[in-house]
Each structure stands twice: as C-alpha cells, then as structure tokens.
Amino acid sequence: MSTSPTRSDQFPQRPQRADARRNYETLLQAARDAFGEDGTGATMDDIAHRAQLGIGTLYRHFPTRQHLLEAVYVDEFEAISRRADDLSSLPPWDALVAWLREFVRYAATKRALAQEMLTSIDRDAEVFHASREAITSAGDRLLGRAQAAGVARADAQWADIGRLIGGIAAAAGDDAEQVERLLDIVLDGLRAQPARA
C-alpha cells in the first residue's frame, strides 16, 4: 500500500468528466515537455499549441501560470514518491539505486519549477511542505529497507542523502554525464562496507 500523500484541496484537482480529464492530462504533459525542453520560460501559448488545444481550454483548467506550475510540480513529486513503491519488488540496494537515479533527474527539473513558483508563493507554502514530506517518506522507506538488508551504511540518514542529491542537481545542471559520475561517488559512499579486521 502506498504511503504517498493524498492531494490537498489546495492543489490543482483533476477533472472528473472523461473529456475534461483527458484535456487536463494532455495539457499537463505538454507543460512538462515544454518546461523540460525550454525551461520555465515556456509560454502558456506554447503549451496550448504543444497540446493541440485552444488557449481557452488551457485557462479553463489552469487560470494562471502559477496554477499550471503547481500542477506540474505536484504531479511530479507524487509520481516520484509512488515510484518508490513500484520498485519494492527489486532487491533493496537495486531499488534504492534505481530510485536515486530517477530522483536526481527529478531534483534537477523540480529546482527550476520551484524557483519560478517562489516568485509568487512563500517557501513555506503547503505545496513545498507536501513535496518534502512525500520525498522524505519515500527516501526513508527505501533507505531503511537497504539498511535492514545490510547493504547500505547504518549511519546514513535520508536528510543527508537528499542534500547531496540536491547539491548534485544544482552543481551539474544539464551535464548528464557529470550527474551520473557524482551520483556514483555518493552511491559508493552509501554502500555498506565489509567490517575491517
């Protein structure tokens, strides 16, 4: 059973009608793609065009740019949190490594969205609080499982790993090779080492 948080009433809600829900999901995917390719500079017109929907449909679902940014942000942190549960069939170390590789990519894209959102809302806003809680819960579960299996350092804490991942995402930017190299170094340090004589 997933321990991911449920959507707060403050967060953008997916419509109930099938056609409206389809349009909502199409716009959300178009926004994710646009922000991924063009950064947060992608315009609402660009996103509507990419989704092949009218600008009126976009504004009906997302009355402001802030609503759209928050919807993408919430969708992404919910997805990365659920992913921790999806990996539970893998051996503990493999599950942790697979999730951290996905999480570092998430952290890089989330950073740009968060920076733009901070121009309109406070760092202590519920959307950021919910994101931190969901990620911490997912990271704690995977790390705890790896520690219980004796494959991750017993003294490691998710708070430390999360900071390292955030640092990698900030330092490496779009350099995918450097991201992987830095993450490999962190993973080497995280793996439990045999006791020395």
Foldseek 3Di string as FASTA:
>chain_A
DAPQDDDDPVAQDQDDDPVLNVLVVLLLVLCVVCCVVPNPVQDLVSSCVSSVHDSVSVCVRPVDSLNSLLNNLLVLLSVLLVLLVVLVVPQLLVSLLVSLLVVLVSLLSNVRSVVVNVVPDPCPDPSNVSSVVSVQVSNCVSLVNCVVVVFWDPPDHVVVVVVQSNVLSVVCRPPSVSSVVSVVVVSVVGTHDPDDD
